[in-house]
Amino acid sequence: MLWHAKNGQVPLEGGVMSYVSFGSGAKKLVILPGLSDGLATVAGKALLLVGPYKPYLNDFTVYLFSRRDPLPEGTSIRDMAADQAAALKALGVERTSVMGVSQGGLIAQYLAIDHPELVEKLVLTVTAPCVNDVILSCVPGWMDIARRGDHKALMIDTAERSYSPAYLKKYRKMYPILGRVGKPKTYDRFLVNAQAILSFDASAELPKIACPTLILGGTEDRVVGPDASRTLAELIPGSTLHLYPGLGHAAYEEAKDFNERVFGFLNDAH
């Protein structure tokens, strides 16, 4: 299926939005990544990112989108959702399933609220209905580290808050090289993304979401907190909740059945 991998850009007023796509299936899935998109976009990485989706690409065409570039200071989560809607329409994607991961889940909520005609099914992964105390315990700190330009400290703190103890035992071996890998030229884009999180609150509008919705989280999430997933499930009518025991904010990476669970939900006729 690698020959179906594609790198692309969508022109937007004042900038572009990079995306990668894989597969040739009639069903469509749009994936919106988390805050890490502020450090490195998906541009040019189709062959690098296709791996986890190969078993599903006969049935699905999968898109991964970055935020617009450049990303103006003061851009809100709702603005990002509007950009996403414009990009989908420009590509001729009239209706799609959407999976938002972490900050991408914030964007996905407003996409489903403001543009319900575009969203067939919704998957909200390790995300929240609004900024909360757990988010405030880490995101402002990450912003401070980014302003200092300490990439190694930023990567280590993110890992320590995201992964399970078992995973960290292996991952910590990489800490000595983290400061030299993936450091952006500037943290401006990361800081705009992070600032948008701190003013996010879609909770009052979540009952407007009418499409089938799957909510996935971890019981040990130290970035948004497990209660965030529970609150989403309470506020979105008819939604389905699954919390992975013992996993945290990186449950989407660590849970072996994650993609199977997501695509099973997307293939369900109900």
C-alpha atoms as a PDB file:
ATOM      1  CA  MET A   1       0.000   0.000   0.000  1.00  0.00           C
ATOM      2  CA  LEU A   2       2.981   2.358   0.194  1.00  0.00           C
ATOM      3  CA  TRP A   3       2.371   3.598  -3.348  1.00  0.00           C
ATOM      4  CA  HIS A   4      -0.871   5.145  -2.081  1.00  0.00           C
ATOM      5  CA  ALA A   5       0.987   7.383   0.400  1.00  0.00           C
ATOM      6  CA  LYS A   6       0.831  11.069  -0.519  1.00  0.00           C
ATOM      7  CA  ASN A   7       2.253  14.347   0.771  1.00  0.00           C
ATOM      8  CA  GLY A   8       0.183  17.439   0.094  1.00  0.00           C
ATOM      9  CA  GLN A   9      -0.668  21.016   1.012  1.00  0.00           C
ATOM     10  CA  VAL A  10      -3.939  22.928   0.943  1.00  0.00           C
ATOM     11  CA  PRO A  11      -3.770  26.688   0.280  1.00  0.00           C
ATOM     12  CA  LEU A  12      -5.573  28.752   2.912  1.00  0.00           C
ATOM     13  CA  GLU A  13      -5.926  32.503   3.122  1.00  0.00           C
ATOM     14  CA  GLY A  14      -2.599  33.699   4.484  1.00  0.00           C
ATOM     15  CA  GLY A  15      -0.895  30.313   4.490  1.00  0.00           C
ATOM     16  CA  VAL A  16      -1.058  26.590   3.780  1.00  0.00           C
ATOM     17  CA  MET A  17      -2.078  23.432   5.631  1.00  0.00           C
ATOM     18  CA  SER A  18       0.139  20.382   5.201  1.00  0.00           C
ATOM     19  CA  TYR A  19      -1.285  16.876   5.179  1.00  0.00           C
ATOM     20  CA  VAL A  20      -0.363  13.303   4.364  1.00  0.00           C
ATOM     21  CA  SER A  21      -2.758  10.651   3.124  1.00  0.00           C
ATOM     22  CA  PHE A  22      -2.634   6.888   2.708  1.00  0.00           C
ATOM     23  CA  GLY A  23      -4.809   4.235   1.139  1.00  0.00           C
ATOM     24  CA  SER A  24      -7.502   4.092  -1.494  1.00  0.00           C
ATOM     25  CA  GLY A  25     -10.579   3.034   0.482  1.00  0.00           C
ATOM     26  CA  ALA A  26     -13.961   4.659   0.009  1.00  0.00           C
ATOM     27  CA  LYS A  27     -14.304   5.412   3.726  1.00  0.00           C
ATOM     28  CA  LYS A  28     -12.385   8.424   4.992  1.00  0.00           C
ATOM     29  CA  LEU A  29     -10.707   9.146   8.308  1.00  0.00           C
ATOM     30  CA  VAL A  30      -9.125  12.476   9.223  1.00  0.00           C
ATOM     31  CA  ILE A  31      -6.638  12.445  12.124  1.00  0.00           C
ATOM     32  CA  LEU A  32      -5.743  15.625  13.995  1.00  0.00           C
ATOM     33  CA  PRO A  33      -2.549  15.324  16.085  1.00  0.00           C
ATOM     34  CA  GLY A  34      -1.743  16.862  19.444  1.00  0.00           C
ATOM     35  CA  LEU A  35       0.462  19.681  20.655  1.00  0.00           C
ATOM     36  CA  SER A  36       3.566  18.029  19.193  1.00  0.00           C
ATOM     37  CA  ASP A  37       2.387  19.405  15.843  1.00  0.00           C
ATOM     38  CA  GLY A  38       3.668  22.730  17.109  1.00  0.00           C
ATOM     39  CA  LEU A  39       7.191  21.309  17.078  1.00  0.00           C
ATOM     40  CA  ALA A  40       7.102  19.455  13.745  1.00  0.00           C
ATOM     41  CA  THR A  41       4.382  19.234  11.109  1.00  0.00           C
ATOM     42  CA  VAL A  42       3.496  16.173   9.036  1.00  0.00           C
ATOM     43  CA  ALA A  43       4.887  17.790   5.867  1.00  0.00           C
ATOM     44  CA  GLY A  44       6.769  15.283   3.713  1.00  0.00           C
ATOM     45  CA  LYS A  45       6.360  12.390   6.186  1.00  0.00           C
ATOM     46  CA  ALA A  46       3.783  10.167   4.445  1.00  0.00           C
ATOM     47  CA  LEU A  47       6.060   7.129   4.169  1.00  0.00           C
ATOM     48  CA  LEU A  48       7.223   7.594   7.755  1.00  0.00           C
ATOM     49  CA  LEU A  49       3.697   7.779   9.202  1.00  0.00           C
ATOM     50  CA  VAL A  50       1.822   5.161   7.169  1.00  0.00           C
ATOM     51  CA  GLY A  51       2.864   2.119   9.235  1.00  0.00           C
ATOM     52  CA  PRO A  52       0.089   1.808  11.857  1.00  0.00           C
ATOM     53  CA  TYR A  53      -2.649   2.183   9.241  1.00  0.00           C
ATOM     54  CA  LYS A  54      -1.565  -0.407   6.658  1.00  0.00           C
ATOM     55  CA  PRO A  55      -4.104  -3.090   7.742  1.00  0.00           C
ATOM     56  CA  TYR A  56      -7.008  -0.708   7.062  1.00  0.00           C
ATOM     57  CA  LEU A  57      -6.024   0.973   3.816  1.00  0.00           C
ATOM     58  CA  ASN A  58      -8.071  -1.234   1.498  1.00  0.00           C
ATOM     59  CA  ASP A  59     -11.224   0.118   3.150  1.00  0.00           C
ATOM     60  CA  PHE A  60     -10.079   3.585   4.220  1.00  0.00           C
ATOM     61  CA  THR A  61      -8.314   6.639   2.942  1.00  0.00           C
ATOM     62  CA  VAL A  62      -6.590   8.147   5.980  1.00  0.00           C
ATOM     63  CA  TYR A  63      -5.527  11.793   6.226  1.00  0.00           C
ATOM     64  CA  LEU A  64      -3.242  13.341   8.869  1.00  0.00           C
ATOM     65  CA  PHE A  65      -3.380  17.136   8.995  1.00  0.00           C
ATOM     66  CA  SER A  66      -1.163  19.736  10.610  1.00  0.00           C
ATOM     67  CA  ARG A  67      -2.338  23.196  11.680  1.00  0.00           C
ATOM     68  CA  ARG A  68      -1.947  26.006   9.199  1.00  0.00           C
ATOM     69  CA  ASP A  69       1.509  27.444   8.524  1.00  0.00           C
ATOM     70  CA  PRO A  70       2.297  30.116   9.468  1.00  0.00           C
ATOM     71  CA  LEU A  71       0.118  29.965  12.579  1.00  0.00           C
ATOM     72  CA  PRO A  72      -0.726  33.531  13.636  1.00  0.00           C
ATOM     73  CA  GLU A  73      -0.436  34.551  17.271  1.00  0.00           C
ATOM     74  CA  GLY A  74      -3.834  34.507  18.946  1.00  0.00           C
ATOM     75  CA  THR A  75      -5.218  31.647  16.825  1.00  0.00           C
ATOM     76  CA  SER A  76      -7.909  29.880  18.862  1.00  0.00           C
ATOM     77  CA  ILE A  77      -8.955  26.241  18.866  1.00  0.00           C
ATOM     78  CA  ARG A  78     -12.154  27.288  17.110  1.00  0.00           C
ATOM     79  CA  ASP A  79     -10.095  29.077  14.447  1.00  0.00           C
ATOM     80  CA  MET A  80      -8.133  25.854  13.929  1.00  0.00           C
ATOM     81  CA  ALA A  81     -11.401  23.961  13.441  1.00  0.00           C
ATOM     82  CA  ALA A  82     -12.511  26.528  10.866  1.00  0.00           C
ATOM     83  CA  ASP A  83      -9.195  26.074   9.027  1.00  0.00           C
ATOM     84  CA  GLN A  84      -9.721  22.320   9.082  1.00  0.00           C
ATOM     85  CA  ALA A  85     -13.204  22.634   7.622  1.00  0.00           C
ATOM     86  CA  ALA A  86     -11.894  24.899   4.856  1.00  0.00           C
ATOM     87  CA  ALA A  87      -9.114  22.427   4.039  1.00  0.00           C
ATOM     88  CA  LEU A  88     -11.514  19.482   3.831  1.00  0.00           C
ATOM     89  CA  LYS A  89     -13.832  21.380   1.519  1.00  0.00           C
ATOM     90  CA  ALA A  90     -10.891  22.420  -0.668  1.00  0.00           C
ATOM     91  CA  LEU A  91      -9.912  18.742  -1.007  1.00  0.00           C
ATOM     92  CA  GLY A  92     -13.481  17.737  -1.853  1.00  0.00           C
ATOM     93  CA  VAL A  93     -13.901  15.737   1.361  1.00  0.00           C
ATOM     94  CA  GLU A  94     -17.618  16.199   1.948  1.00  0.00           C
ATOM     95  CA  ARG A  95     -18.054  13.766   4.833  1.00  0.00           C
ATOM     96  CA  THR A  96     -15.509  11.908   6.939  1.00  0.00           C
ATOM     97  CA  SER A  97     -14.830  10.306  10.266  1.00  0.00           C
ATOM     98  CA  VAL A  98     -12.559  12.415  12.450  1.00  0.00           C
ATOM     99  CA  MET A  99     -10.151  11.339  15.201  1.00  0.00           C
ATOM    100  CA  GLY A 100      -8.618  14.030  17.372  1.00  0.00           C
ATOM    101  CA  VAL A 101      -5.722  13.187  19.691  1.00  0.00           C
ATOM    102  CA  SER A 102      -5.086  15.425  22.723  1.00  0.00           C
ATOM    103  CA  GLN A 103      -5.113  19.002  21.354  1.00  0.00           C
ATOM    104  CA  GLY A 104      -6.375  17.544  18.089  1.00  0.00           C
ATOM    105  CA  GLY A 105      -9.378  16.339  20.078  1.00  0.00           C
ATOM    106  CA  LEU A 106     -10.147  19.914  21.101  1.00  0.00           C
ATOM    107  CA  ILE A 107     -10.161  20.919  17.440  1.00  0.00           C
ATOM    108  CA  ALA A 108     -12.277  17.888  16.516  1.00  0.00           C
ATOM    109  CA  GLN A 109     -14.929  18.904  19.060  1.00  0.00           C
ATOM    110  CA  TYR A 110     -15.416  22.314  17.445  1.00  0.00           C
ATOM    111  CA  LEU A 111     -15.291  20.751  13.975  1.00  0.00           C
ATOM    112  CA  ALA A 112     -18.221  18.499  14.935  1.00  0.00           C
ATOM    113  CA  ILE A 113     -20.070  21.377  16.635  1.00  0.00           C
ATOM    114  CA  ASP A 114     -19.602  24.034  13.946  1.00  0.00           C
ATOM    115  CA  HIS A 115     -19.505  21.804  10.838  1.00  0.00           C
ATOM    116  CA  PRO A 116     -21.670  18.750  11.592  1.00  0.00           C
ATOM    117  CA  GLU A 117     -22.250  18.163   7.891  1.00  0.00           C
ATOM    118  CA  LEU A 118     -18.567  17.186   7.534  1.00  0.00           C
ATOM    119  CA  VAL A 119     -18.293  14.755  10.456  1.00  0.00           C
ATOM    120  CA  GLU A 120     -19.777  11.269  10.078  1.00  0.00           C
ATOM    121  CA  LYS A 121     -18.215   9.725  13.202  1.00  0.00           C
ATOM    122  CA  LEU A 122     -16.019  11.199  15.912  1.00  0.00           C
ATOM    123  CA  VAL A 123     -13.194   9.665  17.962  1.00  0.00           C
ATOM    124  CA  LEU A 124     -11.888  11.766  20.855  1.00  0.00           C
ATOM    125  CA  THR A 125      -8.627  10.418  22.250  1.00  0.00           C
ATOM    126  CA  VAL A 126      -6.919  11.517  25.500  1.00  0.00           C
ATOM    127  CA  THR A 127      -8.589  14.900  25.298  1.00  0.00           C
ATOM    128  CA  ALA A 128     -10.835  17.180  27.348  1.00  0.00           C
ATOM    129  CA  PRO A 129     -14.017  19.285  27.117  1.00  0.00           C
ATOM    130  CA  CYS A 130     -12.243  22.319  28.591  1.00  0.00           C
ATOM    131  CA  VAL A 131      -9.018  23.412  30.207  1.00  0.00           C
ATOM    132  CA  ASN A 132      -8.773  21.905  33.705  1.00  0.00           C
ATOM    133  CA  ASP A 133      -6.411  21.784  36.673  1.00  0.00           C
ATOM    134  CA  VAL A 134      -4.464  18.832  35.271  1.00  0.00           C
ATOM    135  CA  ILE A 135      -3.859  20.654  31.981  1.00  0.00           C
ATOM    136  CA  LEU A 136      -2.853  23.780  33.893  1.00  0.00           C
ATOM    137  CA  SER A 137      -0.337  21.712  35.845  1.00  0.00           C
ATOM    138  CA  CYS A 138       1.681  20.939  32.708  1.00  0.00           C
ATOM    139  CA  VAL A 139       0.993  23.128  29.648  1.00  0.00           C
ATOM    140  CA  PRO A 140       2.167  26.464  31.145  1.00  0.00           C
ATOM    141  CA  GLY A 141       5.306  24.688  32.354  1.00  0.00           C
ATOM    142  CA  TRP A 142       5.944  23.347  28.866  1.00  0.00           C
ATOM    143  CA  MET A 143       5.564  26.879  27.537  1.00  0.00           C
ATOM    144  CA  ASP A 144       8.170  28.150  29.993  1.00  0.00           C
ATOM    145  CA  ILE A 145      10.591  25.380  28.979  1.00  0.00           C
ATOM    146  CA  ALA A 146      10.004  26.182  25.287  1.00  0.00           C
ATOM    147  CA  ARG A 147      10.710  29.875  25.856  1.00  0.00           C
ATOM    148  CA  ARG A 148      14.056  28.849  27.366  1.00  0.00           C
ATOM    149  CA  GLY A 149      14.740  26.711  24.294  1.00  0.00           C
ATOM    150  CA  ASP A 150      15.498  23.638  26.415  1.00  0.00           C
ATOM    151  CA  HIS A 151      14.332  20.940  24.017  1.00  0.00           C
ATOM    152  CA  LYS A 152      15.702  18.048  26.046  1.00  0.00           C
ATOM    153  CA  ALA A 153      13.819  19.160  29.166  1.00  0.00           C
ATOM    154  CA  LEU A 154      10.628  19.610  27.147  1.00  0.00           C
ATOM    155  CA  MET A 155      10.828  16.124  25.662  1.00  0.00           C
ATOM    156  CA  ILE A 156      11.658  14.475  28.974  1.00  0.00           C
ATOM    157  CA  ASP A 157       8.857  16.203  30.884  1.00  0.00           C
ATOM    158  CA  THR A 158       6.369  15.318  28.137  1.00  0.00           C
ATOM    159  CA  ALA A 159       7.463  11.668  28.217  1.00  0.00           C
ATOM    160  CA  GLU A 160       7.369  11.415  32.005  1.00  0.00           C
ATOM    161  CA  ARG A 161       3.817  12.760  32.058  1.00  0.00           C
ATOM    162  CA  SER A 162       2.581  10.670  29.115  1.00  0.00           C
ATOM    163  CA  TYR A 163       3.928   7.113  29.274  1.00  0.00           C
ATOM    164  CA  SER A 164       3.335   4.242  31.664  1.00  0.00           C
ATOM    165  CA  PRO A 165       6.110   3.198  34.105  1.00  0.00           C
ATOM    166  CA  ALA A 166       6.747   0.017  32.097  1.00  0.00           C
ATOM    167  CA  TYR A 167       7.228   1.968  28.866  1.00  0.00           C
ATOM    168  CA  LEU A 168       9.400   4.585  30.554  1.00  0.00           C
ATOM    169  CA  LYS A 169      11.889   1.939  31.679  1.00  0.00           C
ATOM    170  CA  LYS A 170      12.794   1.440  28.023  1.00  0.00           C
ATOM    171  CA  TYR A 171      12.216   4.999  26.789  1.00  0.00           C
ATOM    172  CA  ARG A 172      14.505   6.624  29.393  1.00  0.00           C
ATOM    173  CA  LYS A 173      17.493   5.066  27.632  1.00  0.00           C
ATOM    174  CA  MET A 174      16.889   7.620  24.854  1.00  0.00           C
ATOM    175  CA  TYR A 175      17.012  10.661  27.132  1.00  0.00           C
ATOM    176  CA  PRO A 176      20.698  11.463  26.465  1.00  0.00           C
ATOM    177  CA  ILE A 177      19.986  12.134  22.765  1.00  0.00           C
ATOM    178  CA  LEU A 178      16.611  13.866  23.056  1.00  0.00           C
ATOM    179  CA  GLY A 179      18.063  17.363  23.105  1.00  0.00           C
ATOM    180  CA  ARG A 180      19.725  16.790  19.736  1.00  0.00           C
ATOM    181  CA  VAL A 181      16.758  15.269  17.882  1.00  0.00           C
ATOM    182  CA  GLY A 182      13.781  17.158  16.500  1.00  0.00           C
ATOM    183  CA  LYS A 183      14.533  20.579  17.923  1.00  0.00           C
ATOM    184  CA  PRO A 184      12.673  23.235  15.904  1.00  0.00           C
ATOM    185  CA  LYS A 185      14.303  26.445  14.707  1.00  0.00           C
ATOM    186  CA  THR A 186      11.769  28.390  16.746  1.00  0.00           C
ATOM    187  CA  TYR A 187       9.148  27.531  19.349  1.00  0.00           C
ATOM    188  CA  ASP A 188       6.736  30.236  18.149  1.00  0.00           C
ATOM    189  CA  ARG A 189       4.350  27.738  16.563  1.00  0.00           C
ATOM    190  CA  PHE A 190       4.391  25.520  19.654  1.00  0.00           C
ATOM    191  CA  LEU A 191       3.605  28.485  21.894  1.00  0.00           C
ATOM    192  CA  VAL A 192       0.637  29.598  19.761  1.00  0.00           C
ATOM    193  CA  ASN A 193      -0.773  26.064  19.883  1.00  0.00           C
ATOM    194  CA  ALA A 194      -0.226  25.827  23.631  1.00  0.00           C
ATOM    195  CA  GLN A 195      -1.761  29.227  24.351  1.00  0.00           C
ATOM    196  CA  ALA A 196      -4.901  28.202  22.444  1.00  0.00           C
ATOM    197  CA  ILE A 197      -5.360  25.248  24.808  1.00  0.00           C
ATOM    198  CA  LEU A 198      -5.394  27.529  27.849  1.00  0.00           C
ATOM    199  CA  SER A 199      -8.549  29.361  26.713  1.00  0.00           C
ATOM    200  CA  PHE A 200     -10.449  26.318  25.431  1.00  0.00           C
ATOM    201  CA  ASP A 201     -13.924  25.457  26.748  1.00  0.00           C
ATOM    202  CA  ALA A 202     -16.437  23.642  24.532  1.00  0.00           C
ATOM    203  CA  SER A 203     -18.342  22.003  27.396  1.00  0.00           C
ATOM    204  CA  ALA A 204     -21.535  24.058  27.042  1.00  0.00           C
ATOM    205  CA  GLU A 205     -21.809  23.164  23.340  1.00  0.00           C
ATOM    206  CA  LEU A 206     -20.928  19.475  23.455  1.00  0.00           C
ATOM    207  CA  PRO A 207     -24.586  18.359  23.663  1.00  0.00           C
ATOM    208  CA  LYS A 208     -24.894  19.668  20.079  1.00  0.00           C
ATOM    209  CA  ILE A 209     -22.716  16.800  18.804  1.00  0.00           C
ATOM    210  CA  ALA A 210     -25.105  14.329  17.211  1.00  0.00           C
ATOM    211  CA  CYS A 211     -22.780  11.950  15.342  1.00  0.00           C
ATOM    212  CA  PRO A 212     -21.685   8.606  16.835  1.00  0.00           C
ATOM    213  CA  THR A 213     -18.761   9.344  19.159  1.00  0.00           C
ATOM    214  CA  LEU A 214     -16.105   7.111  20.723  1.00  0.00           C
ATOM    215  CA  ILE A 215     -14.085   8.511  23.640  1.00  0.00           C
ATOM    216  CA  LEU A 216     -10.775   6.860  24.529  1.00  0.00           C
ATOM    217  CA  GLY A 217      -8.553   7.694  27.485  1.00  0.00           C
ATOM    218  CA  GLY A 218      -6.259   6.293  30.143  1.00  0.00           C
ATOM    219  CA  THR A 219      -6.933   5.877  33.844  1.00  0.00           C
ATOM    220  CA  GLU A 220      -3.498   7.338  34.671  1.00  0.00           C
ATOM    221  CA  ASP A 221      -3.554  10.349  32.322  1.00  0.00           C
ATOM    222  CA  ARG A 222      -1.352  13.094  33.814  1.00  0.00           C
ATOM    223  CA  VAL A 223      -1.805  15.607  30.970  1.00  0.00           C
ATOM    224  CA  VAL A 224      -5.590  16.011  30.735  1.00  0.00           C
ATOM    225  CA  GLY A 225      -6.675  13.657  33.548  1.00  0.00           C
ATOM    226  CA  PRO A 226      -8.990  10.617  33.305  1.00  0.00           C
ATOM    227  CA  ASP A 227     -11.987  12.636  34.495  1.00  0.00           C
ATOM    228  CA  ALA A 228     -11.788  14.644  31.262  1.00  0.00           C
ATOM    229  CA  SER A 229     -12.795  11.562  29.245  1.00  0.00           C
ATOM    230  CA  ARG A 230     -15.604  10.777  31.673  1.00  0.00           C
ATOM    231  CA  THR A 231     -16.952  14.325  31.412  1.00  0.00           C
ATOM    232  CA  LEU A 232     -16.860  14.196  27.620  1.00  0.00           C
ATOM    233  CA  ALA A 233     -18.926  11.004  27.743  1.00  0.00           C
ATOM    234  CA  GLU A 234     -21.456  12.653  30.055  1.00  0.00           C
ATOM    235  CA  LEU A 235     -21.821  15.713  27.827  1.00  0.00           C
ATOM    236  CA  ILE A 236     -21.930  14.106  24.349  1.00  0.00           C
ATOM    237  CA  PRO A 237     -25.272  12.311  23.846  1.00  0.00           C
ATOM    238  CA  GLY A 238     -25.019   8.583  23.105  1.00  0.00           C
ATOM    239  CA  SER A 239     -21.229   8.522  23.192  1.00  0.00           C
ATOM    240  CA  THR A 240     -19.192   5.431  24.084  1.00  0.00           C
ATOM    241  CA  LEU A 241     -16.335   5.611  26.611  1.00  0.00           C
ATOM    242  CA  HIS A 242     -13.354   3.294  27.039  1.00  0.00           C
ATOM    243  CA  LEU A 243     -10.573   3.968  29.550  1.00  0.00           C
ATOM    244  CA  TYR A 244      -7.384   1.902  29.318  1.00  0.00           C
ATOM    245  CA  PRO A 245      -6.426   0.698  32.826  1.00  0.00           C
ATOM    246  CA  GLY A 246      -2.917   1.658  33.857  1.00  0.00           C
ATOM    247  CA  LEU A 247      -2.195   3.769  30.770  1.00  0.00           C
ATOM    248  CA  GLY A 248      -1.813   7.518  30.554  1.00  0.00           C
ATOM    249  CA  HIS A 249      -1.776  10.211  27.890  1.00  0.00           C
ATOM    250  CA  ALA A 250       0.108   7.978  25.449  1.00  0.00           C
ATOM    251  CA  ALA A 251      -2.566   5.267  25.554  1.00  0.00           C
ATOM    252  CA  TYR A 252      -2.989   5.628  21.777  1.00  0.00           C
ATOM    253  CA  GLU A 253       0.649   4.534  21.379  1.00  0.00           C
ATOM    254  CA  GLU A 254       0.835   1.915  24.116  1.00  0.00           C
ATOM    255  CA  ALA A 255      -2.509   0.096  23.863  1.00  0.00           C
ATOM    256  CA  LYS A 256      -2.037  -2.824  21.480  1.00  0.00           C
ATOM    257  CA  ASP A 257      -5.707  -2.863  20.466  1.00  0.00           C
ATOM    258  CA  PHE A 258      -6.022   0.904  19.946  1.00  0.00           C
ATOM    259  CA  ASN A 259      -6.264   0.986  16.139  1.00  0.00           C
ATOM    260  CA  GLU A 260      -8.365  -2.179  16.099  1.00  0.00           C
ATOM    261  CA  ARG A 261     -10.811  -0.548  18.500  1.00  0.00           C
ATOM    262  CA  VAL A 262     -10.954   2.689  16.500  1.00  0.00           C
ATOM    263  CA  PHE A 263     -11.481   1.061  13.106  1.00  0.00           C
ATOM    264  CA  GLY A 264     -13.964  -1.388  14.579  1.00  0.00           C
ATOM    265  CA  PHE A 265     -16.030   1.584  15.740  1.00  0.00           C
ATOM    266  CA  LEU A 266     -15.691   3.277  12.346  1.00  0.00           C
ATOM    267  CA  ASN A 267     -16.802   0.109  10.542  1.00  0.00           C
ATOM    268  CA  ASP A 268     -19.804  -0.386  12.794  1.00  0.00           C
ATOM    269  CA  ALA A 269     -22.964   0.351  10.812  1.00  0.00           C
ATOM    270  CA  HIS A 270     -24.646   1.995  13.814  1.00  0.00           C
END
